[in-house]
Amino acid sequence: MNENKINVLIKAWETYQNLAKGFGENAWKIRVTGFGFWSAIMGYGYKNSDNKVYLFSLIIVVLFLFLEAGMRQLQYKYINKSINIEKSINDFLLDDNVRFPTNGISTNISTPSINDFFNLFRFKRWLFWLPYIVLLIVTALFINYNIYNS
């Protein structure tokens, strides 16, 4: 394999890394925004002892969970593409039989599926889903507290 081909592989790897990083940063921005909205709504509900506001905060938590999940799915797809390119680069460095990615080098990815969504809830991805579970539990506790103290 000539030097031009390895340069193309390295450039593709850098592109995938940057795309994955961008989607990861966007996912964190979505999370922070959602948690901020949730906090403001919960504070308003607590001040006014209003269960309807707490129910709205449940909707906010679920909405931002889905938004972040979409970003994470795209991030993981680019991470997988990056890993395939890394294998090709390693093959080249080892003077081995170079395996190119099966779909070639493209920023085009498959549409996230329902299986991709459910994979985000595997135990090893607890850093993704656990904060949302905590928010749902805290909201339920506030609703329960408000019902018994009104």
C-alpha atoms as a PDB file:
ATOM      1  CA  MET A   1       0.000   0.000   0.000  1.00  0.00           C
ATOM      2  CA  ASN A   2       1.444   3.363  -0.886  1.00  0.00           C
ATOM      3  CA  GLU A   3       1.765   6.403   1.329  1.00  0.00           C
ATOM      4  CA  ASN A   4      -1.252   8.169  -0.225  1.00  0.00           C
ATOM      5  CA  LYS A   5      -3.569   5.403   0.898  1.00  0.00           C
ATOM      6  CA  ILE A   6      -2.344   5.503   4.490  1.00  0.00           C
ATOM      7  CA  ASN A   7      -2.748   9.298   4.482  1.00  0.00           C
ATOM      8  CA  VAL A   8      -6.354   8.852   3.355  1.00  0.00           C
ATOM      9  CA  LEU A   9      -6.919   6.350   6.173  1.00  0.00           C
ATOM     10  CA  ILE A  10      -5.415   8.697   8.753  1.00  0.00           C
ATOM     11  CA  LYS A  11      -7.493  11.619   7.499  1.00  0.00           C
ATOM     12  CA  ALA A  12     -10.650   9.490   7.619  1.00  0.00           C
ATOM     13  CA  TRP A  13      -9.784   8.393  11.152  1.00  0.00           C
ATOM     14  CA  GLU A  14      -9.333  12.030  12.222  1.00  0.00           C
ATOM     15  CA  THR A  15     -12.655  12.944  10.629  1.00  0.00           C
ATOM     16  CA  TYR A  16     -14.505  10.150  12.451  1.00  0.00           C
ATOM     17  CA  GLN A  17     -12.822  11.091  15.722  1.00  0.00           C
ATOM     18  CA  ASN A  18     -13.905  14.723  15.327  1.00  0.00           C
ATOM     19  CA  LEU A  19     -17.465  13.738  14.444  1.00  0.00           C
ATOM     20  CA  ALA A  20     -17.689  11.434  17.468  1.00  0.00           C
ATOM     21  CA  LYS A  21     -16.284  14.175  19.691  1.00  0.00           C
ATOM     22  CA  GLY A  22     -18.806  16.690  18.339  1.00  0.00           C
ATOM     23  CA  PHE A  23     -21.755  14.398  18.971  1.00  0.00           C
ATOM     24  CA  GLY A  24     -20.434  13.657  22.461  1.00  0.00           C
ATOM     25  CA  GLU A  25     -20.164  17.360  23.254  1.00  0.00           C
ATOM     26  CA  ASN A  26     -23.677  17.956  21.929  1.00  0.00           C
ATOM     27  CA  ALA A  27     -25.000  15.126  24.093  1.00  0.00           C
ATOM     28  CA  TRP A  28     -23.488  16.744  27.201  1.00  0.00           C
ATOM     29  CA  LYS A  29     -24.971  20.123  26.251  1.00  0.00           C
ATOM     30  CA  ILE A  30     -28.389  18.501  25.908  1.00  0.00           C
ATOM     31  CA  ARG A  31     -27.985  16.813  29.308  1.00  0.00           C
ATOM     32  CA  VAL A  32     -26.941  20.026  31.060  1.00  0.00           C
ATOM     33  CA  THR A  33     -29.786  21.978  29.480  1.00  0.00           C
ATOM     34  CA  GLY A  34     -32.313  19.305  30.431  1.00  0.00           C
ATOM     35  CA  PHE A  35     -31.093  19.108  34.013  1.00  0.00           C
ATOM     36  CA  GLY A  36     -31.237  22.904  34.232  1.00  0.00           C
ATOM     37  CA  PHE A  37     -34.832  22.978  33.007  1.00  0.00           C
ATOM     38  CA  TRP A  38     -35.729  20.152  35.383  1.00  0.00           C
ATOM     39  CA  SER A  39     -34.184  21.994  38.330  1.00  0.00           C
ATOM     40  CA  ALA A  40     -36.006  25.228  37.534  1.00  0.00           C
ATOM     41  CA  ILE A  41     -39.336  23.452  37.126  1.00  0.00           C
ATOM     42  CA  MET A  42     -38.841  21.478  40.335  1.00  0.00           C
ATOM     43  CA  GLY A  43     -37.982  24.682  42.235  1.00  0.00           C
ATOM     44  CA  TYR A  44     -41.100  26.372  40.912  1.00  0.00           C
ATOM     45  CA  GLY A  45     -43.231  23.354  41.798  1.00  0.00           C
ATOM     46  CA  TYR A  46     -41.806  23.191  45.308  1.00  0.00           C
ATOM     47  CA  LYS A  47     -42.363  26.902  45.898  1.00  0.00           C
ATOM     48  CA  ASN A  48     -45.984  26.672  44.755  1.00  0.00           C
ATOM     49  CA  SER A  49     -46.713  23.105  46.005  1.00  0.00           C
ATOM     50  CA  ASP A  50     -48.056  22.219  42.566  1.00  0.00           C
ATOM     51  CA  ASN A  51     -48.090  18.574  41.448  1.00  0.00           C
ATOM     52  CA  LYS A  52     -48.976  19.551  37.887  1.00  0.00           C
ATOM     53  CA  VAL A  53     -45.623  21.274  37.590  1.00  0.00           C
ATOM     54  CA  TYR A  54     -43.910  18.113  38.838  1.00  0.00           C
ATOM     55  CA  LEU A  55     -45.682  16.111  36.159  1.00  0.00           C
ATOM     56  CA  PHE A  56     -44.356  18.581  33.591  1.00  0.00           C
ATOM     57  CA  SER A  57     -40.845  17.959  34.927  1.00  0.00           C
ATOM     58  CA  LEU A  58     -41.328  14.234  34.225  1.00  0.00           C
ATOM     59  CA  ILE A  59     -42.059  15.099  30.596  1.00  0.00           C
ATOM     60  CA  ILE A  60     -38.916  17.261  30.475  1.00  0.00           C
ATOM     61  CA  VAL A  61     -36.763  14.418  31.820  1.00  0.00           C
ATOM     62  CA  VAL A  62     -38.087  11.940  29.238  1.00  0.00           C
ATOM     63  CA  LEU A  63     -37.807  14.452  26.386  1.00  0.00           C
ATOM     64  CA  PHE A  64     -34.177  15.253  27.139  1.00  0.00           C
ATOM     65  CA  LEU A  65     -33.418  11.552  27.665  1.00  0.00           C
ATOM     66  CA  PHE A  66     -34.560  10.876  24.097  1.00  0.00           C
ATOM     67  CA  LEU A  67     -32.638  13.861  22.728  1.00  0.00           C
ATOM     68  CA  GLU A  68     -29.421  12.791  24.419  1.00  0.00           C
ATOM     69  CA  ALA A  69     -29.982   9.179  23.365  1.00  0.00           C
ATOM     70  CA  GLY A  70     -30.138  10.289  19.726  1.00  0.00           C
ATOM     71  CA  MET A  71     -26.829  12.116  20.015  1.00  0.00           C
ATOM     72  CA  ARG A  72     -25.189   9.192  21.828  1.00  0.00           C
ATOM     73  CA  GLN A  73     -26.332   6.736  19.152  1.00  0.00           C
ATOM     74  CA  LEU A  74     -24.728   8.860  16.438  1.00  0.00           C
ATOM     75  CA  GLN A  75     -21.571   9.248  18.522  1.00  0.00           C
ATOM     76  CA  TYR A  76     -21.243   5.471  18.976  1.00  0.00           C
ATOM     77  CA  LYS A  77     -21.736   4.850  15.253  1.00  0.00           C
ATOM     78  CA  TYR A  78     -18.798   7.139  14.459  1.00  0.00           C
ATOM     79  CA  ILE A  79     -16.714   5.550  17.204  1.00  0.00           C
ATOM     80  CA  ASN A  80     -17.319   2.146  15.557  1.00  0.00           C
ATOM     81  CA  LYS A  81     -16.307   3.538  12.163  1.00  0.00           C
ATOM     82  CA  SER A  82     -13.164   4.959  13.754  1.00  0.00           C
ATOM     83  CA  ILE A  83     -12.305   1.569  15.249  1.00  0.00           C
ATOM     84  CA  ASN A  84     -12.571  -0.030  11.788  1.00  0.00           C
ATOM     85  CA  ILE A  85     -10.162   2.542  10.367  1.00  0.00           C
ATOM     86  CA  GLU A  86      -7.782   1.944  13.299  1.00  0.00           C
ATOM     87  CA  LYS A  87      -7.704  -1.755  12.393  1.00  0.00           C
ATOM     88  CA  SER A  88      -6.721  -0.862   8.834  1.00  0.00           C
ATOM     89  CA  ILE A  89      -3.980   1.494  10.025  1.00  0.00           C
ATOM     90  CA  ASN A  90      -2.646  -1.157  12.428  1.00  0.00           C
ATOM     91  CA  ASP A  91      -2.588  -3.709   9.609  1.00  0.00           C
ATOM     92  CA  PHE A  92      -0.540  -1.286   7.524  1.00  0.00           C
ATOM     93  CA  LEU A  93       1.895  -0.604  10.364  1.00  0.00           C
ATOM     94  CA  LEU A  94       2.374  -4.333  10.917  1.00  0.00           C
ATOM     95  CA  ASP A  95       2.885  -4.939   7.187  1.00  0.00           C
ATOM     96  CA  ASP A  96      -0.007  -7.318   7.453  1.00  0.00           C
ATOM     97  CA  ASN A  97      -2.792  -7.883   4.943  1.00  0.00           C
ATOM     98  CA  VAL A  98      -4.632  -4.548   5.153  1.00  0.00           C
ATOM     99  CA  ARG A  99      -8.372  -4.918   5.751  1.00  0.00           C
ATOM    100  CA  PHE A 100     -10.335  -1.906   4.608  1.00  0.00           C
ATOM    101  CA  PRO A 101     -13.722  -1.174   6.186  1.00  0.00           C
ATOM    102  CA  THR A 102     -16.456  -3.139   4.429  1.00  0.00           C
ATOM    103  CA  ASN A 103     -18.418  -0.021   3.475  1.00  0.00           C
ATOM    104  CA  GLY A 104     -15.339   1.952   2.486  1.00  0.00           C
ATOM    105  CA  ILE A 105     -14.533   5.363   3.892  1.00  0.00           C
ATOM    106  CA  SER A 106     -17.591   7.547   4.196  1.00  0.00           C
ATOM    107  CA  THR A 107     -19.181   9.768   6.806  1.00  0.00           C
ATOM    108  CA  ASN A 108     -22.500   8.192   5.888  1.00  0.00           C
ATOM    109  CA  ILE A 109     -23.845   6.063   8.750  1.00  0.00           C
ATOM    110  CA  SER A 110     -26.832   3.807   9.080  1.00  0.00           C
ATOM    111  CA  THR A 111     -29.961   5.213  10.669  1.00  0.00           C
ATOM    112  CA  PRO A 112     -30.056   4.488  14.396  1.00  0.00           C
ATOM    113  CA  SER A 113     -32.414   1.632  15.185  1.00  0.00           C
ATOM    114  CA  ILE A 114     -34.530   0.704  18.171  1.00  0.00           C
ATOM    115  CA  ASN A 115     -31.838  -1.846  19.087  1.00  0.00           C
ATOM    116  CA  ASP A 116     -29.258   0.962  19.150  1.00  0.00           C
ATOM    117  CA  PHE A 117     -31.559   2.846  21.521  1.00  0.00           C
ATOM    118  CA  PHE A 118     -31.989  -0.105  23.875  1.00  0.00           C
ATOM    119  CA  ASN A 119     -28.233  -0.778  23.837  1.00  0.00           C
ATOM    120  CA  LEU A 120     -27.810   2.557  25.592  1.00  0.00           C
ATOM    121  CA  PHE A 121     -29.572   1.049  28.615  1.00  0.00           C
ATOM    122  CA  ARG A 122     -27.178  -1.854  29.092  1.00  0.00           C
ATOM    123  CA  PHE A 123     -25.683  -2.027  32.558  1.00  0.00           C
ATOM    124  CA  LYS A 124     -22.220  -0.976  31.410  1.00  0.00           C
ATOM    125  CA  ARG A 125     -23.661   2.308  30.103  1.00  0.00           C
ATOM    126  CA  TRP A 126     -24.983   3.290  33.536  1.00  0.00           C
ATOM    127  CA  LEU A 127     -23.393   6.733  33.283  1.00  0.00           C
ATOM    128  CA  PHE A 128     -25.903   7.492  30.535  1.00  0.00           C
ATOM    129  CA  TRP A 129     -29.143   6.262  32.105  1.00  0.00           C
ATOM    130  CA  LEU A 130     -28.586   6.433  35.883  1.00  0.00           C
ATOM    131  CA  PRO A 131     -28.810  10.259  36.192  1.00  0.00           C
ATOM    132  CA  TYR A 132     -32.175  10.193  34.421  1.00  0.00           C
ATOM    133  CA  ILE A 133     -33.429   7.447  36.745  1.00  0.00           C
ATOM    134  CA  VAL A 134     -32.351   9.578  39.724  1.00  0.00           C
ATOM    135  CA  LEU A 135     -34.279  12.579  38.366  1.00  0.00           C
ATOM    136  CA  LEU A 136     -37.384  10.453  37.852  1.00  0.00           C
ATOM    137  CA  ILE A 137     -37.144   9.047  41.400  1.00  0.00           C
ATOM    138  CA  VAL A 138     -36.616  12.499  42.943  1.00  0.00           C
ATOM    139  CA  THR A 139     -39.592  13.846  41.011  1.00  0.00           C
ATOM    140  CA  ALA A 140     -41.751  10.939  42.183  1.00  0.00           C
ATOM    141  CA  LEU A 141     -40.662  11.588  45.784  1.00  0.00           C
ATOM    142  CA  PHE A 142     -41.617  15.250  45.488  1.00  0.00           C
ATOM    143  CA  ILE A 143     -45.008  14.322  44.063  1.00  0.00           C
ATOM    144  CA  ASN A 144     -45.524  11.815  46.879  1.00  0.00           C
ATOM    145  CA  TYR A 145     -44.410  14.321  49.514  1.00  0.00           C
ATOM    146  CA  ASN A 146     -46.741  16.975  48.099  1.00  0.00           C
ATOM    147  CA  ILE A 147     -49.729  14.602  48.075  1.00  0.00           C
ATOM    148  CA  TYR A 148     -49.300  13.596  51.730  1.00  0.00           C
ATOM    149  CA  ASN A 149     -48.634  17.141  52.977  1.00  0.00           C
ATOM    150  CA  SER A 150     -51.491  18.909  51.253  1.00  0.00           C
END
